[in-house]
Amino acid sequence: MKSTKFILFLLILIPVQLFSADADSQFLGKVGQFRTIYLKNDNIFYGEILNIGEDGSVQIDTKEGILTIPGDEILEETLKIRKNNGTTYSGKLLGEDEVFIEVETDYGNVSVNKGDIKDLKRFFGGKREKVIQQKIFFAGEEQITDLFGDPTAFVLPPYAFYISGFSMGYGFSNRFHLFSKITNNFNEDLNLSCRYILFKKNLGAKKLHFATQLKIFSNHDMNKEYGKFYDEYDVGQLNDSEVIDELYGIDNRKFHWEVSFIYSFRSPLKSGRGNWGFHTGLTIDQLILEEPVTHLEYDGVGYDFEGGFSDSQFDSYRVFAGFDYDLSKRIKFISIVYYDPGNRYQTLGESIANYFTHNFVQAGHVGERKPLDFDFGVTFTPNETLRIGFHFQNPFLTVYWKFLDY
């Protein structure tokens, strides 16, 4: 009798175990996700999940065709996650969406916000993903803090030190950093640029920031600022710099300020290939409160001037919008369009000559005044510290270093 009961118990237990094993090996994912699938026969497929059947089969669109893969042929996916704060998690992938990754560890299940992840490694059947991992990445390594000069609403990471040939900066927290223009300091114009994130909302890897930036200059050469807004300088035998000196005086130095308000949005691409970001802002400075000089008497002749100003004030503001797009882990495409009545277009030759003839501080009167303009280019990150940027407006080439001080 006891033997009969034992045999019945085994007959009931075996199907339950088989069902549990199937459930444990069932592919975990969601329709609409872009996933890499490794199979036991060494096939590798990447594409969009179209359907997950009740039997565990997965229908995937690989662009070359739609495949239906039996669930028992799919290798189990495990992860090794390292967060920004140094915490690491290893275990089986339980689920994933645009915001969270759920992992089964030896000590319990955890749900990790993608926005907190610094490094993510995927393993299939115990082997690290190699081929596809080179093409498909979780997030771009570079989060930009400026669009070739115009600010974004992001700041340097905490304890990060930035240095280039023209400026240096330091990240004090995840909301605040300081910058200073080295070339201005060497020209007796001590300056600071402070950026603070007033509002931030993170939803996984999606980030929405609103920030303000204040630049102050202690002993600024104001003639370099005034010169941006005049269209022509045809006054006798005077060159452009001498005309501005006649209008506002020689060695016209004083305190100067500039303030910006910026909105930035950053989101992962649907395919999983990095991120894209949108940035827009407004910058004004103290010239918007000053009355321009529009008439000059020189050598017995009167000259009237036109440009980016009214009778009562300079049109000293800049409105800009741009975006960045991760082409790869190390290459980012950047584009910007702006309206700035003080903007001047300079050729490469004019830009280089401007730096070297004015102590590496650009004079504002060089180039043709062009209020509406745009720019685009790329930044390249060859290693953890060096960044190189190429674009088609002044200053054309940017080279800088970022170091984490811990």
Protein backbone atom coordinates (compact mmCIF):
# COMPACT_ATOMS: atom_id res chain seq x y z
CA MET A 1 0.00 0.00 0.00
CA LYS A 2 2.78 2.33 0.95
CA SER A 3 4.63 1.44 -2.26
CA THR A 4 1.54 2.30 -4.30
CA LYS A 5 1.21 5.72 -2.62
CA PHE A 6 4.89 6.42 -3.21
CA ILE A 7 4.59 5.61 -6.91
CA LEU A 8 1.52 7.87 -7.23
CA PHE A 9 3.44 10.66 -5.50
CA LEU A 10 6.30 10.33 -8.00
CA LEU A 11 3.89 10.37 -10.94
CA ILE A 12 2.44 13.65 -9.67
CA LEU A 13 5.80 15.18 -8.74
CA ILE A 14 7.62 14.52 -12.02
CA PRO A 15 5.24 16.61 -14.23
CA VAL A 16 5.32 19.39 -11.66
CA GLN A 17 9.12 19.41 -11.76
CA LEU A 18 9.11 19.40 -15.53
CA PHE A 19 6.67 22.29 -15.62
CA SER A 20 8.76 24.22 -13.11
CA ALA A 21 11.90 23.63 -15.15
CA ASP A 22 10.15 24.93 -18.26
CA ALA A 23 8.95 27.97 -16.34
CA ASP A 24 12.45 28.69 -15.05
CA SER A 25 13.93 28.46 -18.54
CA GLN A 26 11.22 30.55 -20.18
CA PHE A 27 12.47 33.65 -21.99
CA LEU A 28 11.90 36.75 -19.89
CA GLY A 29 11.18 39.89 -21.84
CA LYS A 30 8.49 42.16 -23.19
CA VAL A 31 7.02 42.75 -26.62
CA GLY A 32 8.60 45.84 -28.20
CA GLN A 33 12.01 45.40 -26.58
CA PHE A 34 15.17 45.16 -28.68
CA ARG A 35 17.09 42.15 -27.41
CA THR A 36 20.03 39.94 -28.24
CA ILE A 37 19.21 36.21 -28.13
CA TYR A 38 21.88 33.52 -27.93
CA LEU A 39 20.91 29.95 -28.86
CA LYS A 40 22.38 26.64 -27.77
CA ASN A 41 23.53 25.95 -31.36
CA ASP A 42 25.69 29.16 -31.32
CA ASN A 43 23.24 31.21 -33.43
CA ILE A 44 22.91 34.83 -32.34
CA PHE A 45 19.93 37.01 -33.21
CA TYR A 46 19.28 40.69 -32.49
CA GLY A 47 16.01 42.47 -33.11
CA GLU A 48 12.63 43.59 -31.85
CA ILE A 49 10.50 41.15 -29.83
CA LEU A 50 7.16 40.80 -31.64
CA ASN A 51 5.54 38.08 -29.53
CA ILE A 52 6.22 35.67 -26.66
CA GLY A 53 4.09 32.53 -26.89
CA GLU A 54 2.56 30.62 -24.03
CA ASP A 55 4.92 27.75 -24.83
CA GLY A 56 7.92 30.07 -24.33
CA SER A 57 8.66 30.57 -28.02
CA VAL A 58 9.87 34.02 -29.07
CA GLN A 59 9.03 35.79 -32.33
CA ILE A 60 11.73 38.33 -33.25
CA ASP A 61 12.12 40.78 -36.14
CA THR A 62 15.80 40.73 -37.14
CA LYS A 63 15.33 43.16 -40.09
CA GLU A 64 16.45 40.33 -42.38
CA GLY A 65 13.34 38.39 -41.49
CA ILE A 66 10.88 37.39 -38.74
CA LEU A 67 11.98 34.31 -36.78
CA THR A 68 10.16 32.11 -34.28
CA ILE A 69 12.56 30.57 -31.77
CA PRO A 70 11.60 27.73 -29.37
CA GLY A 71 12.06 28.75 -25.76
CA ASP A 72 14.11 25.66 -24.85
CA GLU A 73 16.73 26.66 -27.47
CA ILE A 74 17.41 30.07 -25.86
CA LEU A 75 20.36 30.38 -23.49
CA GLU A 76 19.70 31.89 -20.07
CA GLU A 77 20.70 35.54 -19.79
CA THR A 78 22.61 36.75 -16.73
CA LEU A 79 23.92 40.23 -15.91
CA LYS A 80 26.72 41.92 -14.05
CA ILE A 81 25.79 45.48 -13.13
CA ARG A 82 27.99 48.20 -11.65
CA LYS A 83 26.19 51.32 -10.40
CA ASN A 84 27.56 54.85 -10.25
CA ASN A 85 27.99 54.56 -6.47
CA GLY A 86 30.16 51.43 -6.79
CA THR A 87 27.47 48.85 -5.92
CA THR A 88 27.53 45.69 -8.06
CA TYR A 89 24.85 43.07 -8.74
CA SER A 90 25.21 39.73 -10.51
CA GLY A 91 22.44 37.32 -11.34
CA LYS A 92 19.77 36.10 -13.70
CA LEU A 93 17.76 38.60 -15.72
CA LEU A 94 14.14 38.48 -14.58
CA GLY A 95 12.74 41.38 -16.58
CA GLU A 96 13.68 44.62 -18.30
CA ASP A 97 12.00 47.74 -19.62
CA GLU A 98 13.04 51.29 -20.49
CA VAL A 99 13.37 52.26 -16.82
CA PHE A 100 14.35 49.24 -14.70
CA ILE A 101 16.29 45.98 -14.89
CA GLU A 102 15.15 43.25 -12.49
CA VAL A 103 17.82 40.77 -11.43
CA GLU A 104 17.66 37.61 -9.34
CA THR A 105 20.72 37.54 -7.06
CA ASP A 106 21.78 34.88 -4.52
CA TYR A 107 20.31 37.06 -1.77
CA GLY A 108 17.03 38.15 -3.32
CA ASN A 109 15.58 40.04 -6.27
CA VAL A 110 16.57 43.65 -7.01
CA SER A 111 15.16 46.24 -9.41
CA VAL A 112 17.90 48.59 -10.65
CA ASN A 113 17.15 51.99 -12.19
CA LYS A 114 18.95 52.22 -15.54
CA GLY A 115 19.81 55.83 -14.84
CA ASP A 116 22.05 54.64 -11.97
CA ILE A 117 24.03 52.12 -14.04
CA LYS A 118 27.63 52.89 -14.93
CA ASP A 119 28.55 49.56 -16.56
CA LEU A 120 26.44 46.64 -17.76
CA LYS A 121 27.75 43.25 -18.94
CA ARG A 122 25.49 40.55 -20.35
CA PHE A 123 26.18 36.82 -20.33
CA PHE A 124 24.35 34.09 -22.23
CA GLY A 125 24.74 30.53 -21.06
CA GLY A 126 27.67 31.67 -18.93
CA LYS A 127 29.53 33.29 -21.86
CA ARG A 128 29.89 37.03 -22.26
CA GLU A 129 28.28 38.58 -25.29
CA LYS A 130 31.08 39.51 -27.72
CA VAL A 131 29.95 40.12 -31.30
CA ILE A 132 26.71 42.01 -30.71
CA GLN A 133 28.03 43.80 -27.62
CA GLN A 134 30.42 45.71 -29.84
CA LYS A 135 27.49 47.16 -31.79
CA ILE A 136 24.68 47.37 -29.27
CA PHE A 137 25.40 49.32 -26.10
CA PHE A 138 23.38 50.42 -23.14
CA ALA A 139 24.39 54.08 -22.92
CA GLY A 140 26.85 56.51 -24.47
CA GLU A 141 29.83 57.19 -22.26
CA GLU A 142 29.74 60.95 -22.71
CA GLN A 143 27.06 63.20 -21.24
CA ILE A 144 27.70 66.61 -22.75
CA THR A 145 27.74 69.80 -20.68
CA ASP A 146 27.83 72.18 -23.66
CA LEU A 147 26.93 72.39 -27.35
CA PHE A 148 30.22 73.71 -28.74
CA GLY A 149 30.06 76.60 -26.28
CA ASP A 150 26.37 76.96 -25.42
CA PRO A 151 25.48 75.34 -22.09
CA THR A 152 23.24 72.33 -21.50
CA ALA A 153 21.32 71.66 -18.27
CA PHE A 154 23.81 68.95 -17.26
CA VAL A 155 26.83 69.45 -15.03
CA LEU A 156 30.16 67.74 -14.55
CA PRO A 157 29.92 64.58 -12.40
CA PRO A 158 30.85 65.01 -8.72
CA TYR A 159 34.63 65.19 -8.19
CA ALA A 160 35.31 65.42 -11.93
CA PHE A 161 38.04 67.85 -13.04
CA TYR A 162 37.91 69.38 -16.54
CA ILE A 163 40.75 71.18 -18.31
CA SER A 164 41.33 72.43 -21.84
CA GLY A 165 43.61 74.99 -23.43
CA PHE A 166 41.13 77.78 -22.65
CA SER A 167 39.16 76.78 -19.53
CA MET A 168 39.00 74.51 -16.49
CA GLY A 169 36.19 73.28 -14.27
CA TYR A 170 35.23 71.05 -11.36
CA GLY A 171 32.06 69.18 -10.44
CA PHE A 172 31.13 69.76 -6.80
CA SER A 173 27.89 67.76 -6.74
CA ASN A 174 25.33 66.22 -9.08
CA ARG A 175 23.70 69.67 -9.32
CA PHE A 176 26.56 72.20 -9.30
CA HIS A 177 29.85 72.87 -11.06
CA LEU A 178 32.27 75.77 -11.56
CA PHE A 179 34.23 76.82 -14.65
CA SER A 180 36.80 79.50 -15.33
CA LYS A 181 38.27 80.78 -18.60
CA ILE A 182 42.04 80.42 -18.24
CA THR A 183 42.91 82.85 -21.04
CA ASN A 184 40.80 85.63 -19.46
CA ASN A 185 42.45 85.06 -16.09
CA PHE A 186 45.88 85.46 -17.68
CA ASN A 187 44.63 88.75 -19.16
CA GLU A 188 43.80 90.12 -15.67
CA ASP A 189 40.10 89.31 -16.04
CA LEU A 190 39.32 86.90 -13.19
CA ASN A 191 36.11 85.04 -13.93
CA LEU A 192 33.82 82.26 -12.76
CA SER A 193 30.99 80.37 -14.45
CA CYS A 194 28.54 78.70 -12.04
CA ARG A 195 25.93 76.24 -13.25
CA TYR A 196 23.22 74.90 -10.96
CA ILE A 197 20.40 72.46 -11.75
CA LEU A 198 17.23 74.03 -10.37
CA PHE A 199 14.98 71.08 -11.22
CA LYS A 200 15.69 67.50 -12.24
CA LYS A 201 13.45 64.53 -12.91
CA ASN A 202 14.86 61.12 -13.75
CA LEU A 203 12.76 58.23 -14.96
CA GLY A 204 15.20 55.43 -15.50
CA ALA A 205 17.65 56.47 -18.18
CA LYS A 206 15.35 59.36 -19.18
CA LYS A 207 16.43 62.68 -17.70
CA LEU A 208 14.74 66.08 -17.67
CA HIS A 209 16.75 69.00 -16.26
CA PHE A 210 16.24 72.74 -15.90
CA ALA A 211 19.32 74.74 -14.96
CA THR A 212 20.71 78.24 -14.73
CA GLN A 213 24.22 79.48 -15.35
CA LEU A 214 25.84 82.70 -14.17
CA LYS A 215 29.13 84.02 -15.57
CA ILE A 216 30.90 86.91 -13.85
CA PHE A 217 34.04 88.74 -15.01
CA SER A 218 35.92 91.05 -12.65
CA ASN A 219 37.87 93.20 -15.11
CA HIS A 220 36.35 92.52 -18.51
CA ASP A 221 37.42 94.21 -21.75
CA MET A 222 34.00 95.58 -22.66
CA ASN A 223 35.09 96.80 -26.10
CA LYS A 224 35.30 93.14 -27.17
CA GLU A 225 31.60 92.85 -26.26
CA TYR A 226 30.45 96.12 -27.84
CA GLY A 227 32.23 95.30 -31.11
CA LYS A 228 29.95 92.31 -31.76
CA PHE A 229 26.91 94.46 -32.54
CA TYR A 230 28.18 96.99 -35.12
CA ASP A 231 27.79 96.31 -38.84
CA GLU A 232 30.47 98.59 -40.35
CA TYR A 233 33.51 100.45 -39.06
CA ASP A 234 34.44 102.61 -42.05
CA VAL A 235 35.80 105.63 -40.16
CA GLY A 236 38.69 107.49 -41.82
CA GLN A 237 42.00 105.65 -41.45
CA LEU A 238 40.96 103.85 -38.23
CA ASN A 239 40.91 100.06 -38.02
CA ASP A 240 38.00 98.24 -36.40
CA SER A 241 39.54 98.10 -32.91
CA GLU A 242 40.35 101.82 -33.00
CA VAL A 243 36.76 102.67 -33.98
CA ILE A 244 35.42 100.86 -30.89
CA ASP A 245 38.06 102.60 -28.77
CA GLU A 246 36.86 105.97 -30.11
CA LEU A 247 33.24 105.07 -29.28
CA TYR A 248 33.79 103.71 -25.76
CA GLY A 249 37.31 104.71 -24.72
CA ILE A 250 40.65 102.94 -24.61
CA ASP A 251 41.14 100.15 -22.04
CA ASN A 252 37.44 100.12 -21.19
CA ARG A 253 37.40 97.44 -18.46
CA LYS A 254 34.74 96.81 -15.85
CA PHE A 255 32.66 94.14 -14.12
CA HIS A 256 30.54 92.07 -16.52
CA TRP A 257 27.86 89.41 -16.07
CA GLU A 258 26.02 86.91 -18.23
CA VAL A 259 23.13 84.60 -17.26
CA SER A 260 21.58 81.59 -19.02
CA PHE A 261 18.46 79.51 -18.48
CA ILE A 262 18.58 76.02 -20.02
CA TYR A 263 16.26 73.06 -20.47
CA SER A 264 17.65 69.63 -21.40
CA PHE A 265 16.03 66.28 -22.08
CA ARG A 266 17.96 63.02 -22.46
CA SER A 267 16.49 59.64 -23.36
CA PRO A 268 17.71 56.21 -24.49
CA LEU A 269 17.15 55.30 -28.10
CA LYS A 270 14.46 52.68 -28.63
CA SER A 271 16.96 50.30 -30.25
CA GLY A 272 19.19 50.39 -27.16
CA ARG A 273 22.01 52.03 -29.13
CA GLY A 274 22.86 54.77 -26.64
CA ASN A 275 20.99 58.03 -26.03
CA TRP A 276 19.81 61.20 -27.66
CA GLY A 277 19.35 64.59 -26.04
CA PHE A 278 17.56 67.86 -26.75
CA HIS A 279 18.70 71.19 -25.31
CA THR A 280 17.35 74.72 -25.56
CA GLY A 281 18.07 77.93 -23.70
CA LEU A 282 18.28 81.70 -23.46
CA THR A 283 21.38 83.74 -22.61
CA ILE A 284 21.47 87.46 -21.81
CA ASP A 285 24.15 89.78 -20.45
CA GLN A 286 24.38 93.26 -19.00
CA LEU A 287 24.59 94.99 -22.40
CA ILE A 288 20.85 94.44 -22.73
CA LEU A 289 20.52 97.21 -20.10
CA GLU A 290 23.00 99.64 -21.71
CA GLU A 291 22.43 102.35 -24.29
CA PRO A 292 24.66 102.01 -27.40
CA VAL A 293 26.69 104.81 -28.94
CA THR A 294 25.39 105.21 -32.48
CA HIS A 295 27.15 108.45 -33.59
CA LEU A 296 30.82 109.41 -33.72
CA GLU A 297 32.49 112.72 -34.61
CA TYR A 298 36.00 112.04 -35.87
CA ASP A 299 38.39 114.40 -37.69
CA GLY A 300 35.54 116.80 -38.38
CA VAL A 301 33.28 114.16 -39.95
CA GLY A 302 30.17 112.60 -38.41
CA TYR A 303 29.49 108.85 -38.63
CA ASP A 304 26.25 107.01 -37.80
CA PHE A 305 26.23 103.31 -36.98
CA GLU A 306 23.73 100.49 -37.36
CA GLY A 307 23.67 96.94 -36.06
CA GLY A 308 22.21 94.72 -33.38
CA PHE A 309 20.78 97.42 -31.14
CA SER A 310 17.96 99.91 -30.74
CA ASP A 311 18.19 103.52 -29.61
CA SER A 312 17.94 102.47 -25.97
CA GLN A 313 19.69 99.08 -25.65
CA PHE A 314 21.77 96.35 -27.26
CA ASP A 315 19.96 93.25 -28.49
CA SER A 316 22.34 91.28 -26.29
CA TYR A 317 20.63 87.91 -26.07
CA ARG A 318 21.07 84.47 -27.58
CA VAL A 319 18.34 81.85 -28.13
CA PHE A 320 19.54 78.38 -29.04
CA ALA A 321 18.30 74.83 -29.54
CA GLY A 322 20.26 71.71 -30.33
CA PHE A 323 20.51 67.99 -29.92
CA ASP A 324 23.11 65.28 -29.44
CA TYR A 325 22.94 61.70 -30.69
CA ASP A 326 25.13 58.72 -29.78
CA LEU A 327 26.55 57.24 -32.99
CA SER A 328 28.61 54.79 -30.92
CA LYS A 329 29.96 54.47 -27.40
CA ARG A 330 32.69 56.97 -28.19
CA ILE A 331 31.31 59.17 -30.98
CA LYS A 332 28.53 61.68 -30.45
CA PHE A 333 26.89 63.83 -33.12
CA ILE A 334 25.98 67.38 -32.04
CA SER A 335 23.93 70.01 -33.86
CA ILE A 336 22.74 73.47 -32.85
CA VAL A 337 20.77 76.38 -34.34
CA TYR A 338 20.76 79.83 -32.73
CA TYR A 339 19.61 83.41 -33.05
CA ASP A 340 22.12 85.91 -31.69
CA PRO A 341 22.27 89.56 -32.89
CA GLY A 342 25.89 89.68 -31.70
CA ASN A 343 27.01 86.54 -33.50
CA ARG A 344 29.71 86.84 -36.15
CA TYR A 345 30.70 84.25 -38.73
CA GLN A 346 34.45 83.65 -38.93
CA THR A 347 36.42 81.55 -41.36
CA LEU A 348 39.06 79.17 -39.99
CA GLY A 349 41.80 81.65 -40.89
CA GLU A 350 39.99 84.57 -39.22
CA SER A 351 39.39 82.50 -36.09
CA ILE A 352 43.05 81.48 -35.74
CA ALA A 353 44.30 85.03 -36.40
CA ASN A 354 41.77 86.41 -33.89
CA TYR A 355 43.11 84.22 -31.09
CA PHE A 356 46.78 84.87 -31.74
CA THR A 357 46.46 88.64 -32.26
CA HIS A 358 44.28 89.28 -29.18
CA ASN A 359 46.09 87.28 -26.48
CA PHE A 360 43.88 84.19 -26.98
CA VAL A 361 40.72 86.16 -26.12
CA GLN A 362 38.50 86.63 -29.16
CA ALA A 363 37.78 90.19 -30.28
CA GLY A 364 34.09 90.64 -30.99
CA HIS A 365 34.38 92.76 -34.13
CA VAL A 366 36.07 90.10 -36.32
CA GLY A 367 33.92 88.48 -39.00
CA GLU A 368 30.59 89.33 -40.60
CA ARG A 369 27.66 89.82 -38.21
CA LYS A 370 25.23 86.94 -38.76
CA PRO A 371 22.34 86.81 -36.26
CA LEU A 372 20.81 83.48 -37.44
CA ASP A 373 23.17 80.57 -37.87
CA PHE A 374 23.71 76.88 -37.13
CA ASP A 375 26.56 74.45 -36.48
CA PHE A 376 27.13 70.70 -36.30
CA GLY A 377 29.94 68.24 -35.71
CA VAL A 378 31.10 65.31 -33.59
CA THR A 379 32.93 64.66 -30.35
CA PHE A 380 35.19 61.64 -30.03
CA THR A 381 36.16 59.96 -26.76
CA PRO A 382 39.31 57.87 -27.40
CA ASN A 383 39.77 56.99 -23.71
CA GLU A 384 38.31 57.70 -20.26
CA THR A 385 39.81 61.20 -20.01
CA LEU A 386 40.43 62.71 -23.46
CA ARG A 387 37.68 64.33 -25.57
CA ILE A 388 38.15 65.74 -29.08
CA GLY A 389 35.51 67.73 -30.97
CA PHE A 390 35.29 68.82 -34.62
CA HIS A 391 32.70 71.23 -36.04
CA PHE A 392 32.28 73.98 -38.64
CA GLN A 393 32.12 77.21 -36.65
CA ASN A 394 34.55 79.02 -34.40
CA PRO A 395 36.58 77.57 -32.66
CA PHE A 396 36.33 74.53 -35.06
CA LEU A 397 38.42 72.20 -32.86
CA THR A 398 37.94 71.42 -29.16
CA VAL A 399 40.29 69.29 -27.08
CA TYR A 400 39.77 68.73 -23.38
CA TRP A 401 40.33 66.28 -20.55
CA LYS A 402 38.03 65.00 -17.80
CA PHE A 403 39.41 63.32 -14.71
CA LEU A 404 37.49 61.73 -11.84
CA ASP A 405 39.13 62.71 -8.55
CA TYR A 406 38.53 59.51 -6.59
